[in-house]
C-alpha atoms as a PDB file:
ATOM      1  CA  MET A   1     -16.133  39.278  36.942  1.00  0.00           C
ATOM      2  CA  ARG A   2     -16.330  35.805  38.535  1.00  0.00           C
ATOM      3  CA  CYS A   3     -18.606  34.639  35.679  1.00  0.00           C
ATOM      4  CA  ILE A   4     -16.146  35.849  33.047  1.00  0.00           C
ATOM      5  CA  LEU A   5     -13.243  34.083  34.804  1.00  0.00           C
ATOM      6  CA  LEU A   6     -15.222  30.836  35.026  1.00  0.00           C
ATOM      7  CA  LEU A   7     -15.997  31.027  31.298  1.00  0.00           C
ATOM      8  CA  VAL A   8     -12.301  31.410  30.477  1.00  0.00           C
ATOM      9  CA  ILE A   9     -11.364  28.420  32.645  1.00  0.00           C
ATOM     10  CA  LEU A  10     -14.013  26.147  31.133  1.00  0.00           C
ATOM     11  CA  ALA A  11     -13.176  27.192  27.588  1.00  0.00           C
ATOM     12  CA  GLY A  12      -9.585  26.055  28.007  1.00  0.00           C
ATOM     13  CA  PRO A  13      -6.312  27.505  26.657  1.00  0.00           C
ATOM     14  CA  HIS A  14      -7.512  28.350  23.135  1.00  0.00           C
ATOM     15  CA  LEU A  15      -9.633  31.224  24.420  1.00  0.00           C
ATOM     16  CA  SER A  16      -7.301  32.725  27.000  1.00  0.00           C
ATOM     17  CA  MET A  17      -3.679  32.118  26.079  1.00  0.00           C
ATOM     18  CA  ALA A  18      -1.306  31.560  23.189  1.00  0.00           C
ATOM     19  CA  GLN A  19      -0.084  28.087  22.297  1.00  0.00           C
ATOM     20  CA  ASP A  20       3.381  28.857  23.619  1.00  0.00           C
ATOM     21  CA  ASP A  21       1.829  29.526  27.027  1.00  0.00           C
ATOM     22  CA  TYR A  22       0.134  26.091  27.036  1.00  0.00           C
ATOM     23  CA  PRO A  23       2.886  23.475  26.391  1.00  0.00           C
ATOM     24  CA  TYR A  24       0.840  20.443  27.441  1.00  0.00           C
ATOM     25  CA  PRO A  25       0.554  17.710  24.800  1.00  0.00           C
ATOM     26  CA  SER A  26      -2.753  16.511  23.404  1.00  0.00           C
ATOM     27  CA  LEU A  27      -4.221  13.442  25.063  1.00  0.00           C
ATOM     28  CA  SER A  28      -5.153  12.193  21.576  1.00  0.00           C
ATOM     29  CA  PRO A  29      -2.421  13.485  19.260  1.00  0.00           C
ATOM     30  CA  LYS A  30      -2.981  13.705  15.530  1.00  0.00           C
ATOM     31  CA  GLY A  31      -1.727  10.756  13.479  1.00  0.00           C
ATOM     32  CA  THR A  32      -1.237  10.611   9.732  1.00  0.00           C
ATOM     33  CA  ILE A  33      -0.175   7.953   7.286  1.00  0.00           C
ATOM     34  CA  THR A  34       0.290   8.298   3.538  1.00  0.00           C
ATOM     35  CA  GLN A  35       1.090   5.208   1.515  1.00  0.00           C
ATOM     36  CA  ALA A  36       1.551   4.577  -2.201  1.00  0.00           C
ATOM     37  CA  VAL A  37      -0.289   1.380  -3.111  1.00  0.00           C
ATOM     38  CA  GLY A  38       0.334   0.437  -6.728  1.00  0.00           C
ATOM     39  CA  ASN A  39      -0.937   3.402  -8.740  1.00  0.00           C
ATOM     40  CA  THR A  40      -2.943   4.821  -5.819  1.00  0.00           C
ATOM     41  CA  GLU A  41      -2.070   7.059  -2.885  1.00  0.00           C
ATOM     42  CA  ILE A  42      -3.956   6.409   0.341  1.00  0.00           C
ATOM     43  CA  SER A  43      -3.882   8.912   3.217  1.00  0.00           C
ATOM     44  CA  VAL A  44      -5.319   8.610   6.714  1.00  0.00           C
ATOM     45  CA  VAL A  45      -5.732  11.432   9.252  1.00  0.00           C
ATOM     46  CA  TYR A  46      -6.957  10.619  12.745  1.00  0.00           C
ATOM     47  CA  GLU A  47      -6.631  11.476  16.422  1.00  0.00           C
ATOM     48  CA  ARG A  48      -5.044   8.723  18.516  1.00  0.00           C
ATOM     49  CA  PRO A  49      -6.492   8.176  21.995  1.00  0.00           C
ATOM     50  CA  SER A  50      -4.597   6.024  24.522  1.00  0.00           C
ATOM     51  CA  VAL A  51      -5.852   3.290  26.816  1.00  0.00           C
ATOM     52  CA  ARG A  52      -4.462   4.808  30.017  1.00  0.00           C
ATOM     53  CA  GLY A  53      -5.721   1.902  32.091  1.00  0.00           C
ATOM     54  CA  ARG A  54      -9.311   2.113  30.906  1.00  0.00           C
ATOM     55  CA  LYS A  55     -11.604  -0.599  29.579  1.00  0.00           C
ATOM     56  CA  ILE A  56     -11.882   0.205  25.878  1.00  0.00           C
ATOM     57  CA  TYR A  57     -14.400  -1.968  24.058  1.00  0.00           C
ATOM     58  CA  GLY A  58     -17.636  -2.412  25.931  1.00  0.00           C
ATOM     59  CA  GLY A  59     -16.511   0.501  28.125  1.00  0.00           C
ATOM     60  CA  LEU A  60     -15.073   3.719  26.695  1.00  0.00           C
ATOM     61  CA  VAL A  61     -16.205   2.526  23.234  1.00  0.00           C
ATOM     62  CA  PRO A  62     -19.690   1.011  23.676  1.00  0.00           C
ATOM     63  CA  TRP A  63     -20.705  -2.116  21.839  1.00  0.00           C
ATOM     64  CA  ASN A  64     -23.103  -1.797  18.923  1.00  0.00           C
ATOM     65  CA  LYS A  65     -22.930   2.004  18.638  1.00  0.00           C
ATOM     66  CA  VAL A  66     -21.402   4.089  15.857  1.00  0.00           C
ATOM     67  CA  TRP A  67     -17.833   5.086  16.787  1.00  0.00           C
ATOM     68  CA  ARG A  68     -15.725   7.737  15.082  1.00  0.00           C
ATOM     69  CA  THR A  69     -12.795   5.268  15.137  1.00  0.00           C
ATOM     70  CA  GLY A  70     -10.580   7.779  16.876  1.00  0.00           C
ATOM     71  CA  ALA A  71     -11.013  10.843  19.046  1.00  0.00           C
ATOM     72  CA  GLY A  72     -12.026  14.420  18.387  1.00  0.00           C
ATOM     73  CA  HIS A  73     -12.678  15.064  14.722  1.00  0.00           C
ATOM     74  CA  CYS A  74     -13.761  12.132  12.589  1.00  0.00           C
ATOM     75  CA  THR A  75     -11.072   9.944  11.082  1.00  0.00           C
ATOM     76  CA  THR A  76     -10.661  10.541   7.344  1.00  0.00           C
ATOM     77  CA  VAL A  77      -9.319   8.294   4.597  1.00  0.00           C
ATOM     78  CA  SER A  78      -8.402   9.649   1.144  1.00  0.00           C
ATOM     79  CA  PHE A  79      -7.939   7.836  -2.158  1.00  0.00           C
ATOM     80  CA  ASP A  80      -6.592   9.623  -5.228  1.00  0.00           C
ATOM     81  CA  ARG A  81      -8.038   6.951  -7.536  1.00  0.00           C
ATOM     82  CA  PRO A  82     -11.094   4.712  -7.424  1.00  0.00           C
ATOM     83  CA  VAL A  83     -10.682   1.657  -5.194  1.00  0.00           C
ATOM     84  CA  ILE A  84     -12.631  -1.332  -3.947  1.00  0.00           C
ATOM     85  CA  VAL A  85     -12.801  -1.440  -0.153  1.00  0.00           C
ATOM     86  CA  GLY A  86     -14.201  -4.468   1.598  1.00  0.00           C
ATOM     87  CA  GLY A  87     -15.541  -5.632  -1.748  1.00  0.00           C
ATOM     88  CA  GLN A  88     -17.377  -2.363  -2.429  1.00  0.00           C
ATOM     89  CA  PRO A  89     -16.382   0.264  -5.040  1.00  0.00           C
ATOM     90  CA  ILE A  90     -15.512   3.751  -3.814  1.00  0.00           C
ATOM     91  CA  ALA A  91     -14.750   6.743  -6.049  1.00  0.00           C
ATOM     92  CA  SER A  92     -11.607   8.792  -5.510  1.00  0.00           C
ATOM     93  CA  GLY A  93     -12.006  11.349  -2.729  1.00  0.00           C
ATOM     94  CA  THR A  94     -11.916  11.799   1.058  1.00  0.00           C
ATOM     95  CA  TYR A  95     -14.244   9.939   3.404  1.00  0.00           C
ATOM     96  CA  SER A  96     -14.876   9.638   7.127  1.00  0.00           C
ATOM     97  CA  LEU A  97     -14.274   6.247   8.700  1.00  0.00           C
ATOM     98  CA  PHE A  98     -16.811   4.994  11.239  1.00  0.00           C
ATOM     99  CA  THR A  99     -17.163   1.600  12.849  1.00  0.00           C
ATOM    100  CA  ILE A 100     -19.737  -0.221  14.962  1.00  0.00           C
ATOM    101  CA  PRO A 101     -17.780  -2.514  17.308  1.00  0.00           C
ATOM    102  CA  ASP A 102     -19.235  -5.807  18.508  1.00  0.00           C
ATOM    103  CA  PRO A 103     -17.515  -8.699  20.311  1.00  0.00           C
ATOM    104  CA  ASP A 104     -18.001 -10.990  17.308  1.00  0.00           C
ATOM    105  CA  GLU A 105     -18.434  -8.712  14.286  1.00  0.00           C
ATOM    106  CA  TRP A 106     -17.697  -5.095  13.437  1.00  0.00           C
ATOM    107  CA  VAL A 107     -19.403  -2.950  10.832  1.00  0.00           C
ATOM    108  CA  VAL A 108     -17.007  -0.721   8.884  1.00  0.00           C
ATOM    109  CA  ILE A 109     -18.458   2.439   7.352  1.00  0.00           C
ATOM    110  CA  PHE A 110     -17.079   4.939   4.838  1.00  0.00           C
ATOM    111  CA  ASN A 111     -19.181   8.088   4.871  1.00  0.00           C
ATOM    112  CA  ALA A 112     -19.139  11.186   2.619  1.00  0.00           C
ATOM    113  CA  ASP A 113     -19.402  13.688   5.525  1.00  0.00           C
ATOM    114  CA  THR A 114     -15.880  14.583   6.675  1.00  0.00           C
ATOM    115  CA  THR A 115     -16.876  17.611   8.786  1.00  0.00           C
ATOM    116  CA  LEU A 116     -18.085  15.748  11.867  1.00  0.00           C
ATOM    117  CA  TYR A 117     -16.674  16.085  15.361  1.00  0.00           C
ATOM    118  CA  GLY A 118     -17.459  12.771  16.992  1.00  0.00           C
ATOM    119  CA  SER A 119     -20.293  10.650  15.673  1.00  0.00           C
ATOM    120  CA  GLY A 120     -23.357  12.369  17.147  1.00  0.00           C
ATOM    121  CA  LYS A 121     -24.493  13.765  13.778  1.00  0.00           C
ATOM    122  CA  TYR A 122     -23.479  10.739  11.716  1.00  0.00           C
ATOM    123  CA  ASN A 123     -25.999  10.218   8.900  1.00  0.00           C
ATOM    124  CA  PRO A 124     -26.184   6.737   7.314  1.00  0.00           C
ATOM    125  CA  ILE A 125     -27.758   8.261   4.188  1.00  0.00           C
ATOM    126  CA  LYS A 126     -24.287   9.574   3.349  1.00  0.00           C
ATOM    127  CA  ASP A 127     -22.624   6.151   3.560  1.00  0.00           C
ATOM    128  CA  VAL A 128     -20.653   5.181   0.446  1.00  0.00           C
ATOM    129  CA  ALA A 129     -19.594   1.750   1.702  1.00  0.00           C
ATOM    130  CA  ARG A 130     -20.658  -0.455   4.597  1.00  0.00           C
ATOM    131  CA  PHE A 131     -19.455  -3.995   5.307  1.00  0.00           C
ATOM    132  CA  SER A 132     -18.726  -6.397   8.146  1.00  0.00           C
ATOM    133  CA  VAL A 133     -15.431  -7.802   9.428  1.00  0.00           C
ATOM    134  CA  GLN A 134     -14.476 -10.082  12.282  1.00  0.00           C
ATOM    135  CA  PRO A 135     -12.189  -8.728  15.025  1.00  0.00           C
ATOM    136  CA  THR A 136      -9.122 -10.637  16.155  1.00  0.00           C
ATOM    137  CA  LYS A 137      -6.987 -10.578  19.263  1.00  0.00           C
ATOM    138  CA  THR A 138      -3.632  -8.918  18.696  1.00  0.00           C
ATOM    139  CA  GLY A 139      -0.254 -10.417  19.451  1.00  0.00           C
ATOM    140  CA  ARG A 140       0.752  -7.297  21.360  1.00  0.00           C
ATOM    141  CA  PHE A 141      -0.951  -4.545  23.322  1.00  0.00           C
ATOM    142  CA  TYR A 142      -1.626  -1.271  21.493  1.00  0.00           C
ATOM    143  CA  GLU A 143      -1.620   1.542  24.019  1.00  0.00           C
ATOM    144  CA  ALA A 144      -2.613   4.103  21.371  1.00  0.00           C
ATOM    145  CA  LEU A 145      -5.157   3.602  18.628  1.00  0.00           C
ATOM    146  CA  THR A 146      -3.179   2.631  15.541  1.00  0.00           C
ATOM    147  CA  ILE A 147      -4.222   2.610  11.885  1.00  0.00           C
ATOM    148  CA  ASP A 148      -1.750   1.154   9.438  1.00  0.00           C
ATOM    149  CA  ILE A 149      -1.601  -0.042   5.835  1.00  0.00           C
ATOM    150  CA  ASP A 150       0.088  -3.269   4.813  1.00  0.00           C
ATOM    151  CA  LEU A 151       1.052  -3.787   1.185  1.00  0.00           C
ATOM    152  CA  VAL A 152      -0.248  -6.749  -0.768  1.00  0.00           C
ATOM    153  CA  PRO A 153       1.411  -6.302  -4.198  1.00  0.00           C
ATOM    154  CA  ASN A 154      -0.461  -3.395  -5.835  1.00  0.00           C
ATOM    155  CA  ASN A 155      -3.243  -3.680  -3.238  1.00  0.00           C
ATOM    156  CA  ALA A 156      -3.423  -3.233   0.529  1.00  0.00           C
ATOM    157  CA  GLU A 157      -4.890  -4.325   3.836  1.00  0.00           C
ATOM    158  CA  MET A 158      -5.868  -1.580   6.288  1.00  0.00           C
ATOM    159  CA  TYR A 159      -5.735  -2.398  10.009  1.00  0.00           C
ATOM    160  CA  VAL A 160      -7.292  -0.672  13.002  1.00  0.00           C
ATOM    161  CA  SER A 161      -5.679  -1.793  16.280  1.00  0.00           C
ATOM    162  CA  TRP A 162      -6.272  -0.701  19.861  1.00  0.00           C
ATOM    163  CA  ALA A 163      -5.704  -2.424  23.182  1.00  0.00           C
ATOM    164  CA  ASN A 164      -5.810  -6.155  22.310  1.00  0.00           C
ATOM    165  CA  THR A 165      -8.271  -5.919  19.414  1.00  0.00           C
ATOM    166  CA  GLN A 166      -7.681  -5.529  15.684  1.00  0.00           C
ATOM    167  CA  ILE A 167      -9.813  -5.426  12.555  1.00  0.00           C
ATOM    168  CA  GLY A 168      -8.581  -5.475   8.973  1.00  0.00           C
ATOM    169  CA  PHE A 169     -10.108  -5.081   5.533  1.00  0.00           C
ATOM    170  CA  PRO A 170      -8.806  -5.220   1.949  1.00  0.00           C
ATOM    171  CA  ILE A 171      -8.311  -2.279  -0.402  1.00  0.00           C
ATOM    172  CA  GLN A 172      -8.047  -3.179  -4.065  1.00  0.00           C
ATOM    173  CA  THR A 173      -6.629  -0.649  -6.516  1.00  0.00           C
ATOM    174  CA  THR A 174      -7.007  -0.439 -10.301  1.00  0.00           C
ATOM    175  CA  THR A 175      -3.286  -1.042 -10.800  1.00  0.00           C
ATOM    176  CA  ASP A 176      -3.381  -4.579 -12.185  1.00  0.00           C
ATOM    177  CA  ALA A 177      -6.340  -3.855 -14.456  1.00  0.00           C
ATOM    178  CA  GLU A 178      -4.655  -0.766 -15.899  1.00  0.00           C
ATOM    179  CA  ILE A 179      -1.369  -2.599 -16.489  1.00  0.00           C
ATOM    180  CA  ASP A 180      -3.175  -5.522 -18.137  1.00  0.00           C
ATOM    181  CA  ARG A 181      -4.965  -3.054 -20.396  1.00  0.00           C
ATOM    182  CA  PHE A 182      -1.678  -1.325 -21.265  1.00  0.00           C
ATOM    183  CA  ILE A 183      -0.004  -4.637 -22.084  1.00  0.00           C
ATOM    184  CA  GLU A 184      -2.924  -5.601 -24.307  1.00  0.00           C
ATOM    185  CA  THR A 185      -3.308  -2.325 -26.197  1.00  0.00           C
ATOM    186  CA  GLU A 186       0.293  -1.052 -26.352  1.00  0.00           C
ATOM    187  CA  LEU A 187       2.615  -4.045 -26.132  1.00  0.00           C
ATOM    188  CA  ILE A 188       0.990  -7.205 -27.457  1.00  0.00           C
ATOM    189  CA  SER A 189      -0.228  -5.132 -30.380  1.00  0.00           C
ATOM    190  CA  GLY A 190       3.316  -3.873 -31.005  1.00  0.00           C
ATOM    191  CA  LYS A 191       2.147  -0.245 -30.890  1.00  0.00           C
ATOM    192  CA  SER A 192       4.809   0.842 -28.403  1.00  0.00           C
ATOM    193  CA  LYS A 193       8.373   1.253 -29.661  1.00  0.00           C
ATOM    194  CA  VAL A 194       9.928   1.757 -26.232  1.00  0.00           C
ATOM    195  CA  SER A 195      12.125  -1.151 -25.152  1.00  0.00           C
ATOM    196  CA  ASP A 196      11.765  -0.427 -21.429  1.00  0.00           C
ATOM    197  CA  SER A 197       7.969  -0.568 -21.689  1.00  0.00           C
ATOM    198  CA  TYR A 198       8.253  -4.210 -22.731  1.00  0.00           C
ATOM    199  CA  ALA A 199      11.024  -4.886 -20.209  1.00  0.00           C
ATOM    200  CA  GLY A 200       8.939  -3.350 -17.414  1.00  0.00           C
ATOM    201  CA  ALA A 201       5.929  -5.468 -18.360  1.00  0.00           C
ATOM    202  CA  ALA A 202       8.049  -8.633 -18.413  1.00  0.00           C
ATOM    203  CA  SER A 203       9.421  -7.784 -14.965  1.00  0.00           C
ATOM    204  CA  TYR A 204       5.903  -6.997 -13.671  1.00  0.00           C
ATOM    205  CA  LEU A 205       4.550 -10.348 -14.884  1.00  0.00           C
ATOM    206  CA  TYR A 206       7.517 -12.166 -13.359  1.00  0.00           C
ATOM    207  CA  PHE A 207       6.983 -10.651  -9.907  1.00  0.00           C
ATOM    208  CA  GLN A 208       3.236 -11.163 -10.154  1.00  0.00           C
ATOM    209  CA  ARG A 209       3.890 -14.869 -10.904  1.00  0.00           C
ATOM    210  CA  THR A 210       1.022 -14.758 -13.388  1.00  0.00           C
ATOM    211  CA  ASP A 211       2.116 -15.397 -16.985  1.00  0.00           C
ATOM    212  CA  TYR A 212       5.745 -16.394 -17.502  1.00  0.00           C
ATOM    213  CA  GLN A 213       5.251 -17.216 -21.175  1.00  0.00           C
ATOM    214  CA  LEU A 214       3.902 -13.753 -21.946  1.00  0.00           C
ATOM    215  CA  ALA A 215       6.738 -12.243 -19.918  1.00  0.00           C
ATOM    216  CA  LEU A 216       9.282 -14.068 -22.063  1.00  0.00           C
ATOM    217  CA  THR A 217       7.516 -12.981 -25.249  1.00  0.00           C
ATOM    218  CA  LEU A 218       7.567  -9.353 -24.129  1.00  0.00           C
ATOM    219  CA  SER A 219      11.227  -9.587 -23.121  1.00  0.00           C
ATOM    220  CA  ARG A 220      12.097 -10.723 -26.662  1.00  0.00           C
ATOM    221  CA  LYS A 221      10.183  -7.734 -28.019  1.00  0.00           C
ATOM    222  CA  ALA A 222      12.186  -5.486 -25.706  1.00  0.00           C
ATOM    223  CA  LEU A 223      15.456  -6.949 -26.999  1.00  0.00           C
ATOM    224  CA  ALA A 224      14.325  -6.518 -30.598  1.00  0.00           C
ATOM    225  CA  LEU A 225      14.022  -2.800 -29.874  1.00  0.00           C
ATOM    226  CA  ASP A 226      17.203  -2.577 -27.792  1.00  0.00           C
ATOM    227  CA  PRO A 227      19.590  -5.579 -27.854  1.00  0.00           C
ATOM    228  CA  ASN A 228      21.529  -4.074 -24.922  1.00  0.00           C
ATOM    229  CA  ASN A 229      18.596  -3.980 -22.523  1.00  0.00           C
ATOM    230  CA  THR A 230      20.185  -5.929 -19.670  1.00  0.00           C
ATOM    231  CA  TRP A 231      17.057  -5.508 -17.534  1.00  0.00           C
ATOM    232  CA  THR A 232      15.292  -7.854 -19.939  1.00  0.00           C
ATOM    233  CA  TYR A 233      18.066 -10.451 -19.845  1.00  0.00           C
ATOM    234  CA  ASN A 234      17.975 -10.476 -16.056  1.00  0.00           C
ATOM    235  CA  THR A 235      14.217 -11.031 -16.081  1.00  0.00           C
ATOM    236  CA  GLU A 236      14.524 -13.893 -18.563  1.00  0.00           C
ATOM    237  CA  ILE A 237      17.231 -15.555 -16.508  1.00  0.00           C
ATOM    238  CA  ALA A 238      15.132 -15.219 -13.330  1.00  0.00           C
ATOM    239  CA  ILE A 239      12.136 -16.820 -15.064  1.00  0.00           C
ATOM    240  CA  TYR A 240      14.172 -19.704 -16.469  1.00  0.00           C
ATOM    241  CA  LYS A 241      15.653 -20.360 -13.030  1.00  0.00           C
ATOM    242  CA  GLU A 242      12.175 -20.278 -11.466  1.00  0.00           C
ATOM    243  CA  LEU A 243      10.984 -22.832 -14.010  1.00  0.00           C
ATOM    244  CA  LYS A 244      14.187 -24.867 -13.584  1.00  0.00           C
ATOM    245  CA  LEU A 245      14.986 -24.440 -17.273  1.00  0.00           C
ATOM    246  CA  TYR A 246      18.660 -24.109 -16.489  1.00  0.00           C
ATOM    247  CA  ASP A 247      19.872 -24.711 -20.051  1.00  0.00           C
ATOM    248  CA  LYS A 248      17.878 -21.739 -21.276  1.00  0.00           C
ATOM    249  CA  ALA A 249      19.111 -19.623 -18.385  1.00  0.00           C
ATOM    250  CA  LEU A 250      22.695 -20.400 -19.405  1.00  0.00           C
ATOM    251  CA  LEU A 251      21.949 -19.515 -23.023  1.00  0.00           C
ATOM    252  CA  ALA A 252      20.524 -16.176 -21.923  1.00  0.00           C
ATOM    253  CA  LEU A 253      23.644 -15.535 -19.848  1.00  0.00           C
ATOM    254  CA  GLU A 254      25.852 -16.363 -22.828  1.00  0.00           C
ATOM    255  CA  GLU A 255      23.859 -13.937 -24.970  1.00  0.00           C
ATOM    256  CA  LEU A 256      24.133 -11.283 -22.291  1.00  0.00           C
ATOM    257  CA  LEU A 257      27.882 -11.851 -22.015  1.00  0.00           C
ATOM    258  CA  GLU A 258      28.363 -11.246 -25.752  1.00  0.00           C
ATOM    259  CA  ARG A 259      26.385  -8.015 -25.525  1.00  0.00           C
ATOM    260  CA  VAL A 260      28.429  -6.819 -22.567  1.00  0.00           C
ATOM    261  CA  LYS A 261      31.665  -7.503 -24.420  1.00  0.00           C
ATOM    262  CA  LYS A 262      30.558  -5.418 -27.425  1.00  0.00           C
ATOM    263  CA  ARG A 263      28.519  -2.539 -26.054  1.00  0.00           C
ATOM    264  CA  PRO A 264      30.121   0.786 -25.066  1.00  0.00           C
ATOM    265  CA  TYR A 265      30.979   1.492 -21.428  1.00  0.00           C
ATOM    266  CA  GLU A 266      31.932   4.720 -19.723  1.00  0.00           C
ATOM    267  CA  LYS A 267      34.838   2.925 -18.043  1.00  0.00           C
ATOM    268  CA  GLU A 268      36.383  -0.393 -18.952  1.00  0.00           C
ATOM    269  CA  ALA A 269      36.424  -1.333 -15.293  1.00  0.00           C
ATOM    270  CA  TYR A 270      32.607  -1.350 -15.352  1.00  0.00           C
ATOM    271  CA  ARG A 271      32.613  -3.820 -18.229  1.00  0.00           C
ATOM    272  CA  GLU A 272      35.045  -6.087 -16.416  1.00  0.00           C
ATOM    273  CA  GLU A 273      32.892  -6.053 -13.284  1.00  0.00           C
ATOM    274  CA  ASP A 274      29.771  -6.981 -15.280  1.00  0.00           C
ATOM    275  CA  ILE A 275      31.623  -9.822 -17.014  1.00  0.00           C
ATOM    276  CA  LYS A 276      32.811 -11.104 -13.653  1.00  0.00           C
ATOM    277  CA  GLN A 277      29.267 -11.127 -12.253  1.00  0.00           C
ATOM    278  CA  ILE A 278      27.851 -12.892 -15.334  1.00  0.00           C
ATOM    279  CA  LYS A 279      30.465 -15.620 -15.075  1.00  0.00           C
ATOM    280  CA  GLU A 280      29.726 -16.073 -11.374  1.00  0.00           C
ATOM    281  CA  ARG A 281      26.002 -16.454 -12.111  1.00  0.00           C
ATOM    282  CA  TYR A 282      26.826 -18.943 -14.857  1.00  0.00           C
ATOM    283  CA  THR A 283      28.841 -21.041 -12.406  1.00  0.00           C
ATOM    284  CA  GLN A 284      26.046 -20.915  -9.824  1.00  0.00           C
ATOM    285  CA  ILE A 285      23.479 -22.208 -12.308  1.00  0.00           C
ATOM    286  CA  GLU A 286      25.829 -24.974 -13.465  1.00  0.00           C
ATOM    287  CA  LYS A 287      26.042 -26.126  -9.838  1.00  0.00           C
ATOM    288  CA  GLN A 288      22.263 -26.160  -9.593  1.00  0.00           C
ATOM    289  CA  MET A 289      22.128 -28.479 -12.603  1.00  0.00           C
ATOM    290  CA  GLN A 290      24.325 -31.091 -10.953  1.00  0.00           C
END
């Protein structure tokens, strides 16, 4: 009887009692993050240990040994489209994230085996990407291990932060390449007959700060298909202001004003409000020219 009782105690609450009878929180609670990055969705699932006064790197997490980059089950990262991580291509799918910490350089590993608990059975043969990054000292103290994703238009930077140490690495999506291909095959060729497709491309190029001339060409194509596409006018005006071509910005505003005066509105008050805003923008640009 004593042996059975000892087995129950060592096994913990999962063997002997229901969850409601064991209200104590996990020491390394589950963390998740899902982020849309351009055309790609990235998801991270991990268990978040806390410092709790311990020495982390070179202590709890040994130097130069494979670490699960979390606690409990291995940390997983999912991509619903192919990406380039740390300069290396990775197919869409779910991968475990391992690291090898070092005071001066970390190795980051994406591995195909997502079933591991800890890193004891980690197999480098299943690596799909492996690269090095340099750690930095953080501006604040991270009590709990934190993985986050920062957006770099249509791409991302993933960060792993704990205690006073942080690593980061780039994730490049196929977004820009796919949009460039769409612009080439559907828009420049004139194949598409959808005004908003051209307007969206013009807006995309404007915010990318890549090819203003092409953006203006596409905006004219959008207006040829729909003269009342105010989205296009607004993009043109923004580009002309950026280039300090104020005369052309004013001409675009005058053209927009004529369209607003003639096109149908659900309520006349809406038309009057649009006219008011156009005139205010016109005045602002005139002041910039002085």
